[in-house]
Each structure stands twice: as structure tokens, then as C-alpha cells.
Amino acid sequence: MLNITKNQTGSALTVALEGRLDTNTAPQLADELKDALAGVTALTLDMEALQYVSSAGLRVLLSTQKTMMKQGEMKLVHVGETVMEVFELTGFSDILTIE
């Protein structure tokens, strides 16, 4: 289960994720982001309530990062310990902007 809350102000979009980003929910996030990123130059993913990320979730984050590199910036905020561990083990902590 993944809850996605979007909040847009001008060209800045904040997306709060709650639950699990896995094989079942990654396509949902991909679809939501694909539709939402037009005209967005600053994307913030709030991961405070995200409990888990799988490889499918990492793929969505990576493809979103590639999209945002062309049109602006993407950052991750409030990354929890468990999710941060996954980012560090996979090297994603070097690729993604995490605050």
C-alpha cells in the first residue's frame, strides 16, 4: 500500500510518500509522477512516512531523477533509517540528492 500526496506551488512540486514503494506500488508512483512533472522545475519527494523501498521503487526514483535532470532538480527529504540503508547499500545515496 502506498499513499501519494501531491502539493504543487507554481513550478515546485512536493510529493509525500507513505507506506511501501515496491513491485506492487512502483507503477502507481510512476504513473502519478509522469502526469505531474510537466512544467515542474523543482521536485521534492518527502519520504518521512515511507517504510520500505524495493528495486522496483528504486527504478522509478532513478527514471524520475533522469527526467528532472533535464528540466530542473529533484531532492529527497525526511528519508528514514530503513530507506536510507537501502539507498546506501545500492549506491543510490551517491546518485540522489538527499537532505
PDB file of N, CA and C in Angstrom:
ATOM      1  N   MET A   1       0.843  -1.193   0.000  1.00  0.00           N
ATOM      2  CA  MET A   1       0.000   0.000   0.000  1.00  0.00           C
ATOM      3  C   MET A   1       0.883   1.250   0.000  1.00  0.00           C
ATOM      4  N   LEU A   2       0.576   2.165  -0.901  1.00  0.00           N
ATOM      5  CA  LEU A   2       1.335   3.410  -0.966  1.00  0.00           C
ATOM      6  C   LEU A   2       0.355   4.569  -1.112  1.00  0.00           C
ATOM      7  N   ASN A   3       0.459   5.532  -0.195  1.00  0.00           N
ATOM      8  CA  ASN A   3      -0.328   6.752  -0.322  1.00  0.00           C
ATOM      9  C   ASN A   3       0.571   7.840  -0.890  1.00  0.00           C
ATOM     10  N   ILE A   4       0.069   8.521  -1.914  1.00  0.00           N
ATOM     11  CA  ILE A   4       0.827   9.575  -2.576  1.00  0.00           C
ATOM     12  C   ILE A   4       0.050  10.875  -2.435  1.00  0.00           C
ATOM     13  N   THR A   5       0.694  11.877  -1.833  1.00  0.00           N
ATOM     14  CA  THR A   5       0.055  13.183  -1.671  1.00  0.00           C
ATOM     15  C   THR A   5       0.871  14.221  -2.419  1.00  0.00           C
ATOM     16  N   LYS A   6       0.228  14.892  -3.372  1.00  0.00           N
ATOM     17  CA  LYS A   6       0.939  15.888  -4.175  1.00  0.00           C
ATOM     18  C   LYS A   6       0.507  17.284  -3.773  1.00  0.00           C
ATOM     19  N   ASN A   7       1.475  18.193  -3.740  1.00  0.00           N
ATOM     20  CA  ASN A   7       1.206  19.581  -3.400  1.00  0.00           C
ATOM     21  C   ASN A   7       2.056  20.451  -4.319  1.00  0.00           C
ATOM     22  N   GLN A   8       1.403  21.174  -5.237  1.00  0.00           N
ATOM     23  CA  GLN A   8       2.152  21.959  -6.201  1.00  0.00           C
ATOM     24  C   GLN A   8       1.966  23.449  -5.975  1.00  0.00           C
ATOM     25  N   THR A   9       3.088  24.174  -6.006  1.00  0.00           N
ATOM     26  CA  THR A   9       3.073  25.627  -5.924  1.00  0.00           C
ATOM     27  C   THR A   9       3.880  26.135  -7.101  1.00  0.00           C
ATOM     28  N   GLY A  10       3.209  26.670  -8.106  1.00  0.00           N
ATOM     29  CA  GLY A  10       3.917  27.110  -9.303  1.00  0.00           C
ATOM     30  C   GLY A  10       4.627  25.945  -9.955  1.00  0.00           C
ATOM     31  N   SER A  11       5.947  26.077 -10.155  1.00  0.00           N
ATOM     32  CA  SER A  11       6.705  25.002 -10.803  1.00  0.00           C
ATOM     33  C   SER A  11       7.387  24.085  -9.785  1.00  0.00           C
ATOM     34  N   ALA A  12       7.020  24.245  -8.516  1.00  0.00           N
ATOM     35  CA  ALA A  12       7.578  23.380  -7.468  1.00  0.00           C
ATOM     36  C   ALA A  12       6.530  22.354  -7.046  1.00  0.00           C
ATOM     37  N   LEU A  13       6.932  21.090  -7.045  1.00  0.00           N
ATOM     38  CA  LEU A  13       6.016  20.010  -6.676  1.00  0.00           C
ATOM     39  C   LEU A  13       6.611  19.222  -5.518  1.00  0.00           C
ATOM     40  N   THR A  14       5.813  19.035  -4.471  1.00  0.00           N
ATOM     41  CA  THR A  14       6.208  18.168  -3.365  1.00  0.00           C
ATOM     42  C   THR A  14       5.308  16.948  -3.385  1.00  0.00           C
ATOM     43  N   VAL A  15       5.929  15.775  -3.337  1.00  0.00           N
ATOM     44  CA  VAL A  15       5.187  14.521  -3.333  1.00  0.00           C
ATOM     45  C   VAL A  15       5.551  13.782  -2.053  1.00  0.00           C
ATOM     46  N   ALA A  16       4.555  13.577  -1.203  1.00  0.00           N
ATOM     47  CA  ALA A  16       4.771  12.846   0.049  1.00  0.00           C
ATOM     48  C   ALA A  16       4.381  11.391  -0.159  1.00  0.00           C
ATOM     49  N   LEU A  17       5.271  10.495   0.242  1.00  0.00           N
ATOM     50  CA  LEU A  17       5.032   9.061   0.082  1.00  0.00           C
ATOM     51  C   LEU A  17       4.842   8.426   1.447  1.00  0.00           C
ATOM     52  N   GLU A  18       3.811   7.589   1.541  1.00  0.00           N
ATOM     53  CA  GLU A  18       3.526   6.919   2.814  1.00  0.00           C
ATOM     54  C   GLU A  18       3.254   5.453   2.542  1.00  0.00           C
ATOM     55  N   GLY A  19       3.996   4.588   3.242  1.00  0.00           N
ATOM     56  CA  GLY A  19       3.782   3.148   3.090  1.00  0.00           C
ATOM     57  C   GLY A  19       4.986   2.472   2.471  1.00  0.00           C
ATOM     58  N   ARG A  20       4.718   1.611   1.461  1.00  0.00           N
ATOM     59  CA  ARG A  20       5.773   0.806   0.851  1.00  0.00           C
ATOM     60  C   ARG A  20       5.859   1.098  -0.644  1.00  0.00           C
ATOM     61  N   LEU A  21       7.074   1.346  -1.099  1.00  0.00           N
ATOM     62  CA  LEU A  21       7.321   1.541  -2.526  1.00  0.00           C
ATOM     63  C   LEU A  21       7.963   0.251  -3.032  1.00  0.00           C
ATOM     64  N   ASP A  22       7.122  -0.631  -3.601  1.00  0.00           N
ATOM     65  CA  ASP A  22       7.606  -1.945  -4.009  1.00  0.00           C
ATOM     66  C   ASP A  22       7.062  -2.319  -5.386  1.00  0.00           C
ATOM     67  N   THR A  23       7.212  -3.575  -5.750  1.00  0.00           N
ATOM     68  CA  THR A  23       6.790  -4.047  -7.073  1.00  0.00           C
ATOM     69  C   THR A  23       5.327  -3.719  -7.357  1.00  0.00           C
ATOM     70  N   ASN A  24       4.486  -3.788  -6.326  1.00  0.00           N
ATOM     71  CA  ASN A  24       3.052  -3.535  -6.499  1.00  0.00           C
ATOM     72  C   ASN A  24       2.722  -2.056  -6.624  1.00  0.00           C
ATOM     73  N   THR A  25       3.478  -1.196  -5.933  1.00  0.00           N
ATOM     74  CA  THR A  25       3.110   0.225  -5.880  1.00  0.00           C
ATOM     75  C   THR A  25       3.981   1.115  -6.772  1.00  0.00           C
ATOM     76  N   ALA A  26       5.132   0.607  -7.226  1.00  0.00           N
ATOM     77  CA  ALA A  26       6.021   1.411  -8.073  1.00  0.00           C
ATOM     78  C   ALA A  26       5.327   1.903  -9.356  1.00  0.00           C
ATOM     79  N   PRO A  27       4.549   1.042 -10.050  1.00  0.00           N
ATOM     80  CA  PRO A  27       3.855   1.536 -11.254  1.00  0.00           C
ATOM     81  C   PRO A  27       2.882   2.678 -10.954  1.00  0.00           C
ATOM     82  N   GLN A  28       2.253   2.633  -9.782  1.00  0.00           N
ATOM     83  CA  GLN A  28       1.328   3.689  -9.359  1.00  0.00           C
ATOM     84  C   GLN A  28       2.088   5.013  -9.232  1.00  0.00           C
ATOM     85  N   LEU A  29       3.257   4.980  -8.582  1.00  0.00           N
ATOM     86  CA  LEU A  29       4.056   6.193  -8.419  1.00  0.00           C
ATOM     87  C   LEU A  29       4.561   6.680  -9.777  1.00  0.00           C
ATOM     88  N   ALA A  30       5.006   5.764 -10.617  1.00  0.00           N
ATOM     89  CA  ALA A  30       5.497   6.131 -11.951  1.00  0.00           C
ATOM     90  C   ALA A  30       4.420   6.864 -12.742  1.00  0.00           C
ATOM     91  N   ASP A  31       3.197   6.335 -12.705  1.00  0.00           N
ATOM     92  CA  ASP A  31       2.073   6.963 -13.423  1.00  0.00           C
ATOM     93  C   ASP A  31       1.764   8.344 -12.866  1.00  0.00           C
ATOM     94  N   GLU A  32       1.707   8.445 -11.538  1.00  0.00           N
ATOM     95  CA  GLU A  32       1.397   9.727 -10.887  1.00  0.00           C
ATOM     96  C   GLU A  32       2.444  10.780 -11.253  1.00  0.00           C
ATOM     97  N   LEU A  33       3.719  10.399 -11.210  1.00  0.00           N
ATOM     98  CA  LEU A  33       4.796  11.343 -11.483  1.00  0.00           C
ATOM     99  C   LEU A  33       4.831  11.726 -12.956  1.00  0.00           C
ATOM    100  N   LYS A  34       4.617  10.748 -13.829  1.00  0.00           N
ATOM    101  CA  LYS A  34       4.655  11.012 -15.259  1.00  0.00           C
ATOM    102  C   LYS A  34       3.675  12.127 -15.623  1.00  0.00           C
ATOM    103  N   ASP A  35       2.491  12.041 -15.053  1.00  0.00           N
ATOM    104  CA  ASP A  35       1.454  13.041 -15.339  1.00  0.00           C
ATOM    105  C   ASP A  35       1.735  14.374 -14.655  1.00  0.00           C
ATOM    106  N   ALA A  36       2.439  14.339 -13.515  1.00  0.00           N
ATOM    107  CA  ALA A  36       2.578  15.539 -12.693  1.00  0.00           C
ATOM    108  C   ALA A  36       3.810  16.382 -13.025  1.00  0.00           C
ATOM    109  N   LEU A  37       4.776  15.820 -13.748  1.00  0.00           N
ATOM    110  CA  LEU A  37       6.061  16.501 -13.886  1.00  0.00           C
ATOM    111  C   LEU A  37       6.120  17.561 -14.984  1.00  0.00           C
ATOM    112  N   ALA A  38       5.095  17.651 -15.808  1.00  0.00           N
ATOM    113  CA  ALA A  38       5.107  18.664 -16.867  1.00  0.00           C
ATOM    114  C   ALA A  38       5.204  20.060 -16.265  1.00  0.00           C
ATOM    115  N   GLY A  39       6.236  20.807 -16.651  1.00  0.00           N
ATOM    116  CA  GLY A  39       6.388  22.171 -16.163  1.00  0.00           C
ATOM    117  C   GLY A  39       6.981  22.301 -14.777  1.00  0.00           C
ATOM    118  N   VAL A  40       7.320  21.174 -14.161  1.00  0.00           N
ATOM    119  CA  VAL A  40       7.896  21.216 -12.816  1.00  0.00           C
ATOM    120  C   VAL A  40       9.416  21.359 -12.917  1.00  0.00           C
ATOM    121  N   THR A  41       9.976  22.341 -12.201  1.00  0.00           N
ATOM    122  CA  THR A  41      11.430  22.521 -12.201  1.00  0.00           C
ATOM    123  C   THR A  41      12.052  22.126 -10.864  1.00  0.00           C
ATOM    124  N   ALA A  42      11.231  22.005  -9.827  1.00  0.00           N
ATOM    125  CA  ALA A  42      11.743  21.585  -8.514  1.00  0.00           C
ATOM    126  C   ALA A  42      10.818  20.511  -7.940  1.00  0.00           C
ATOM    127  N   LEU A  43      11.341  19.296  -7.859  1.00  0.00           N
ATOM    128  CA  LEU A  43      10.567  18.184  -7.318  1.00  0.00           C
ATOM    129  C   LEU A  43      11.163  17.779  -5.977  1.00  0.00           C
ATOM    130  N   THR A  44      10.311  17.743  -4.950  1.00  0.00           N
ATOM    131  CA  THR A  44      10.728  17.273  -3.632  1.00  0.00           C
ATOM    132  C   THR A  44       9.923  16.029  -3.287  1.00  0.00           C
ATOM    133  N   LEU A  45      10.631  14.947  -2.973  1.00  0.00           N
ATOM    134  CA  LEU A  45       9.955  13.734  -2.527  1.00  0.00           C
ATOM    135  C   LEU A  45      10.132  13.635  -1.014  1.00  0.00           C
ATOM    136  N   ASP A  46       9.014  13.729  -0.298  1.00  0.00           N
ATOM    137  CA  ASP A  46       9.033  13.655   1.163  1.00  0.00           C
ATOM    138  C   ASP A  46       8.819  12.195   1.564  1.00  0.00           C
ATOM    139  N   MET A  47       9.844  11.611   2.173  1.00  0.00           N
ATOM    140  CA  MET A  47       9.810  10.175   2.478  1.00  0.00           C
ATOM    141  C   MET A  47       9.661   9.887   3.964  1.00  0.00           C
ATOM    142  N   GLU A  48       9.152  10.870   4.693  1.00  0.00           N
ATOM    143  CA  GLU A  48       9.037  10.712   6.146  1.00  0.00           C
ATOM    144  C   GLU A  48       8.234   9.473   6.530  1.00  0.00           C
ATOM    145  N   ALA A  49       7.154   9.198   5.805  1.00  0.00           N
ATOM    146  CA  ALA A  49       6.277   8.075   6.161  1.00  0.00           C
ATOM    147  C   ALA A  49       6.495   6.856   5.260  1.00  0.00           C
ATOM    148  N   LEU A  50       7.590   6.875   4.484  1.00  0.00           N
ATOM    149  CA  LEU A  50       7.893   5.724   3.629  1.00  0.00           C
ATOM    150  C   LEU A  50       8.657   4.692   4.449  1.00  0.00           C
ATOM    151  N   GLN A  51       8.128   3.455   4.479  1.00  0.00           N
ATOM    152  CA  GLN A  51       8.724   2.431   5.329  1.00  0.00           C
ATOM    153  C   GLN A  51       9.688   1.524   4.578  1.00  0.00           C
ATOM    154  N   TYR A  52       9.518   1.415   3.252  1.00  0.00           N
ATOM    155  CA  TYR A  52      10.269   0.395   2.518  1.00  0.00           C
ATOM    156  C   TYR A  52      10.399   0.793   1.058  1.00  0.00           C
ATOM    157  N   VAL A  53      11.559   0.493   0.454  1.00  0.00           N
ATOM    158  CA  VAL A  53      11.767   0.686  -0.982  1.00  0.00           C
ATOM    159  C   VAL A  53      12.371  -0.585  -1.551  1.00  0.00           C
ATOM    160  N   SER A  54      11.789  -1.095  -2.643  1.00  0.00           N
ATOM    161  CA  SER A  54      12.356  -2.266  -3.319  1.00  0.00           C
ATOM    162  C   SER A  54      13.091  -1.804  -4.577  1.00  0.00           C
ATOM    163  N   SER A  55      13.653  -2.755  -5.306  1.00  0.00           N
ATOM    164  CA  SER A  55      14.368  -2.410  -6.538  1.00  0.00           C
ATOM    165  C   SER A  55      13.433  -1.768  -7.559  1.00  0.00           C
ATOM    166  N   ALA A  56      12.181  -2.180  -7.566  1.00  0.00           N
ATOM    167  CA  ALA A  56      11.207  -1.568  -8.485  1.00  0.00           C
ATOM    168  C   ALA A  56      11.001  -0.098  -8.128  1.00  0.00           C
ATOM    169  N   GLY A  57      10.962   0.196  -6.841  1.00  0.00           N
ATOM    170  CA  GLY A  57      10.842   1.574  -6.386  1.00  0.00           C
ATOM    171  C   GLY A  57      12.071   2.391  -6.741  1.00  0.00           C
ATOM    172  N   LEU A  58      13.249   1.774  -6.609  1.00  0.00           N
ATOM    173  CA  LEU A  58      14.495   2.454  -6.958  1.00  0.00           C
ATOM    174  C   LEU A  58      14.511   2.811  -8.446  1.00  0.00           C
ATOM    175  N   ARG A  59      13.999   1.915  -9.284  1.00  0.00           N
ATOM    176  CA  ARG A  59      13.952   2.191 -10.730  1.00  0.00           C
ATOM    177  C   ARG A  59      13.098   3.410 -11.021  1.00  0.00           C
ATOM    178  N   VAL A  60      11.959   3.533 -10.335  1.00  0.00           N
ATOM    179  CA  VAL A  60      11.091   4.702 -10.535  1.00  0.00           C
ATOM    180  C   VAL A  60      11.820   5.972 -10.103  1.00  0.00           C
ATOM    181  N   LEU A  61      12.505   5.917  -8.971  1.00  0.00           N
ATOM    182  CA  LEU A  61      13.248   7.085  -8.492  1.00  0.00           C
ATOM    183  C   LEU A  61      14.346   7.477  -9.482  1.00  0.00           C
ATOM    184  N   LEU A  62      15.020   6.475 -10.032  1.00  0.00           N
ATOM    185  CA  LEU A  62      16.106   6.748 -10.975  1.00  0.00           C
ATOM    186  C   LEU A  62      15.575   7.375 -12.261  1.00  0.00           C
ATOM    187  N   SER A  63      14.486   6.834 -12.786  1.00  0.00           N
ATOM    188  CA  SER A  63      13.944   7.394 -14.033  1.00  0.00           C
ATOM    189  C   SER A  63      13.368   8.792 -13.795  1.00  0.00           C
ATOM    190  N   THR A  64      12.811   9.028 -12.614  1.00  0.00           N
ATOM    191  CA  THR A  64      12.311  10.359 -12.269  1.00  0.00           C
ATOM    192  C   THR A  64      13.477  11.341 -12.162  1.00  0.00           C
ATOM    193  N   GLN A  65      14.571  10.879 -11.564  1.00  0.00           N
ATOM    194  CA  GLN A  65      15.769  11.706 -11.441  1.00  0.00           C
ATOM    195  C   GLN A  65      16.271  12.109 -12.836  1.00  0.00           C
ATOM    196  N   LYS A  66      16.282  11.154 -13.776  1.00  0.00           N
ATOM    197  CA  LYS A  66      16.746  11.442 -15.142  1.00  0.00           C
ATOM    198  C   LYS A  66      15.853  12.486 -15.803  1.00  0.00           C
ATOM    199  N   THR A  67      14.553  12.349 -15.630  1.00  0.00           N
ATOM    200  CA  THR A  67      13.609  13.325 -16.171  1.00  0.00           C
ATOM    201  C   THR A  67      13.868  14.701 -15.593  1.00  0.00           C
ATOM    202  N   MET A  68      14.028  14.757 -14.276  1.00  0.00           N
ATOM    203  CA  MET A  68      14.193  16.046 -13.601  1.00  0.00           C
ATOM    204  C   MET A  68      15.544  16.695 -13.900  1.00  0.00           C
ATOM    205  N   MET A  69      16.562  15.906 -14.225  1.00  0.00           N
ATOM    206  CA  MET A  69      17.855  16.485 -14.574  1.00  0.00           C
ATOM    207  C   MET A  69      17.747  17.331 -15.844  1.00  0.00           C
ATOM    208  N   LYS A  70      16.806  16.974 -16.716  1.00  0.00           N
ATOM    209  CA  LYS A  70      16.606  17.722 -17.955  1.00  0.00           C
ATOM    210  C   LYS A  70      15.831  19.013 -17.722  1.00  0.00           C
ATOM    211  N   GLN A  71      14.987  19.029 -16.695  1.00  0.00           N
ATOM    212  CA  GLN A  71      14.081  20.175 -16.542  1.00  0.00           C
ATOM    213  C   GLN A  71      14.212  20.901 -15.211  1.00  0.00           C
ATOM    214  N   GLY A  72      15.107  20.468 -14.349  1.00  0.00           N
ATOM    215  CA  GLY A  72      15.242  21.139 -13.063  1.00  0.00           C
ATOM    216  C   GLY A  72      15.980  20.282 -12.073  1.00  0.00           C
ATOM    217  N   GLU A  73      15.433  20.186 -10.859  1.00  0.00           N
ATOM    218  CA  GLU A  73      16.123  19.421  -9.816  1.00  0.00           C
ATOM    219  C   GLU A  73      15.142  18.568  -9.034  1.00  0.00           C
ATOM    220  N   MET A  74      15.687  17.526  -8.415  1.00  0.00           N
ATOM    221  CA  MET A  74      14.885  16.640  -7.585  1.00  0.00           C
ATOM    222  C   MET A  74      15.649  16.398  -6.294  1.00  0.00           C
ATOM    223  N   LYS A  75      14.938  16.471  -5.173  1.00  0.00           N
ATOM    224  CA  LYS A  75      15.590  16.138  -3.902  1.00  0.00           C
ATOM    225  C   LYS A  75      14.660  15.286  -3.055  1.00  0.00           C
ATOM    226  N   LEU A  76      15.275  14.512  -2.172  1.00  0.00           N
ATOM    227  CA  LEU A  76      14.548  13.662  -1.242  1.00  0.00           C
ATOM    228  C   LEU A  76      14.750  14.237   0.145  1.00  0.00           C
ATOM    229  N   VAL A  77      13.656  14.334   0.905  1.00  0.00           N
ATOM    230  CA  VAL A  77      13.748  14.863   2.263  1.00  0.00           C
ATOM    231  C   VAL A  77      13.116  13.874   3.251  1.00  0.00           C
ATOM    232  N   HIS A  78      13.525  13.998   4.509  1.00  0.00           N
ATOM    233  CA  HIS A  78      12.987  13.181   5.614  1.00  0.00           C
ATOM    234  C   HIS A  78      13.096  11.681   5.335  1.00  0.00           C
ATOM    235  N   VAL A  79      14.244  11.268   4.789  1.00  0.00           N
ATOM    236  CA  VAL A  79      14.435   9.845   4.492  1.00  0.00           C
ATOM    237  C   VAL A  79      14.706   9.091   5.786  1.00  0.00           C
ATOM    238  N   GLY A  80      13.904   8.077   6.049  1.00  0.00           N
ATOM    239  CA  GLY A  80      14.033   7.288   7.278  1.00  0.00           C
ATOM    240  C   GLY A  80      15.235   6.357   7.227  1.00  0.00           C
ATOM    241  N   GLU A  81      15.569   5.803   8.377  1.00  0.00           N
ATOM    242  CA  GLU A  81      16.762   4.970   8.526  1.00  0.00           C
ATOM    243  C   GLU A  81      16.735   3.738   7.620  1.00  0.00           C
ATOM    244  N   THR A  82      15.607   3.047   7.576  1.00  0.00           N
ATOM    245  CA  THR A  82      15.497   1.811   6.786  1.00  0.00           C
ATOM    246  C   THR A  82      15.668   2.098   5.300  1.00  0.00           C
ATOM    247  N   VAL A  83      14.995   3.137   4.820  1.00  0.00           N
ATOM    248  CA  VAL A  83      15.076   3.510   3.407  1.00  0.00           C
ATOM    249  C   VAL A  83      16.480   4.025   3.087  1.00  0.00           C
ATOM    250  N   MET A  84      17.072   4.781   3.995  1.00  0.00           N
ATOM    251  CA  MET A  84      18.430   5.310   3.791  1.00  0.00           C
ATOM    252  C   MET A  84      19.432   4.167   3.660  1.00  0.00           C
ATOM    253  N   GLU A  85      19.222   3.115   4.454  1.00  0.00           N
ATOM    254  CA  GLU A  85      20.094   1.942   4.372  1.00  0.00           C
ATOM    255  C   GLU A  85      20.069   1.341   2.976  1.00  0.00           C
ATOM    256  N   VAL A  86      18.872   1.245   2.398  1.00  0.00           N
ATOM    257  CA  VAL A  86      18.724   0.714   1.040  1.00  0.00           C
ATOM    258  C   VAL A  86      19.467   1.615   0.052  1.00  0.00           C
ATOM    259  N   PHE A  87      19.300   2.935   0.197  1.00  0.00           N
ATOM    260  CA  PHE A  87      19.988   3.881  -0.687  1.00  0.00           C
ATOM    261  C   PHE A  87      21.511   3.720  -0.581  1.00  0.00           C
ATOM    262  N   GLU A  88      21.999   3.529   0.633  1.00  0.00           N
ATOM    263  CA  GLU A  88      23.444   3.411   0.834  1.00  0.00           C
ATOM    264  C   GLU A  88      23.981   2.096   0.283  1.00  0.00           C
ATOM    265  N   LEU A  89      23.260   1.003   0.510  1.00  0.00           N
ATOM    266  CA  LEU A  89      23.686  -0.310   0.020  1.00  0.00           C
ATOM    267  C   LEU A  89      23.699  -0.372  -1.503  1.00  0.00           C
ATOM    268  N   THR A  90      22.779   0.346  -2.144  1.00  0.00           N
ATOM    269  CA  THR A  90      22.660   0.277  -3.603  1.00  0.00           C
ATOM    270  C   THR A  90      23.457   1.366  -4.312  1.00  0.00           C
ATOM    271  N   GLY A  91      24.043   2.289  -3.533  1.00  0.00           N
ATOM    272  CA  GLY A  91      24.785   3.390  -4.142  1.00  0.00           C
ATOM    273  C   GLY A  91      23.898   4.549  -4.554  1.00  0.00           C
ATOM    274  N   PHE A  92      22.600   4.429  -4.292  1.00  0.00           N
ATOM    275  CA  PHE A  92      21.667   5.498  -4.675  1.00  0.00           C
ATOM    276  C   PHE A  92      21.912   6.765  -3.858  1.00  0.00           C
ATOM    277  N   SER A  93      22.509   6.622  -2.679  1.00  0.00           N
ATOM    278  CA  SER A  93      22.788   7.814  -1.866  1.00  0.00           C
ATOM    279  C   SER A  93      23.808   8.712  -2.559  1.00  0.00           C
ATOM    280  N   ASP A  94      24.596   8.144  -3.494  1.00  0.00           N
ATOM    281  CA  ASP A  94      25.552   8.949  -4.259  1.00  0.00           C
ATOM    282  C   ASP A  94      24.913   9.611  -5.482  1.00  0.00           C
ATOM    283  N   ILE A  95      23.832   9.011  -5.959  1.00  0.00           N
ATOM    284  CA  ILE A  95      23.180   9.495  -7.185  1.00  0.00           C
ATOM    285  C   ILE A  95      22.107  10.540  -6.884  1.00  0.00           C
ATOM    286  N   LEU A  96      21.345  10.296  -5.821  1.00  0.00           N
ATOM    287  CA  LEU A  96      20.202  11.152  -5.495  1.00  0.00           C
ATOM    288  C   LEU A  96      20.616  12.272  -4.538  1.00  0.00           C
ATOM    289  N   THR A  97      19.902  13.384  -4.607  1.00  0.00           N
ATOM    290  CA  THR A  97      20.123  14.481  -3.678  1.00  0.00           C
ATOM    291  C   THR A  97      19.233  14.237  -2.455  1.00  0.00           C
ATOM    292  N   ILE A  98      19.866  13.952  -1.328  1.00  0.00           N
ATOM    293  CA  ILE A  98      19.118  13.625  -0.117  1.00  0.00           C
ATOM    294  C   ILE A  98      19.450  14.655   0.950  1.00  0.00           C
ATOM    295  N   GLU A  99      18.417  15.279   1.498  1.00  0.00           N
ATOM    296  CA  GLU A  99      18.629  16.312   2.528  1.00  0.00           C
ATOM    297  C   GLU A  99      18.097  15.844   3.862  1.00  0.00           C
TER     298      GLU A  99
END
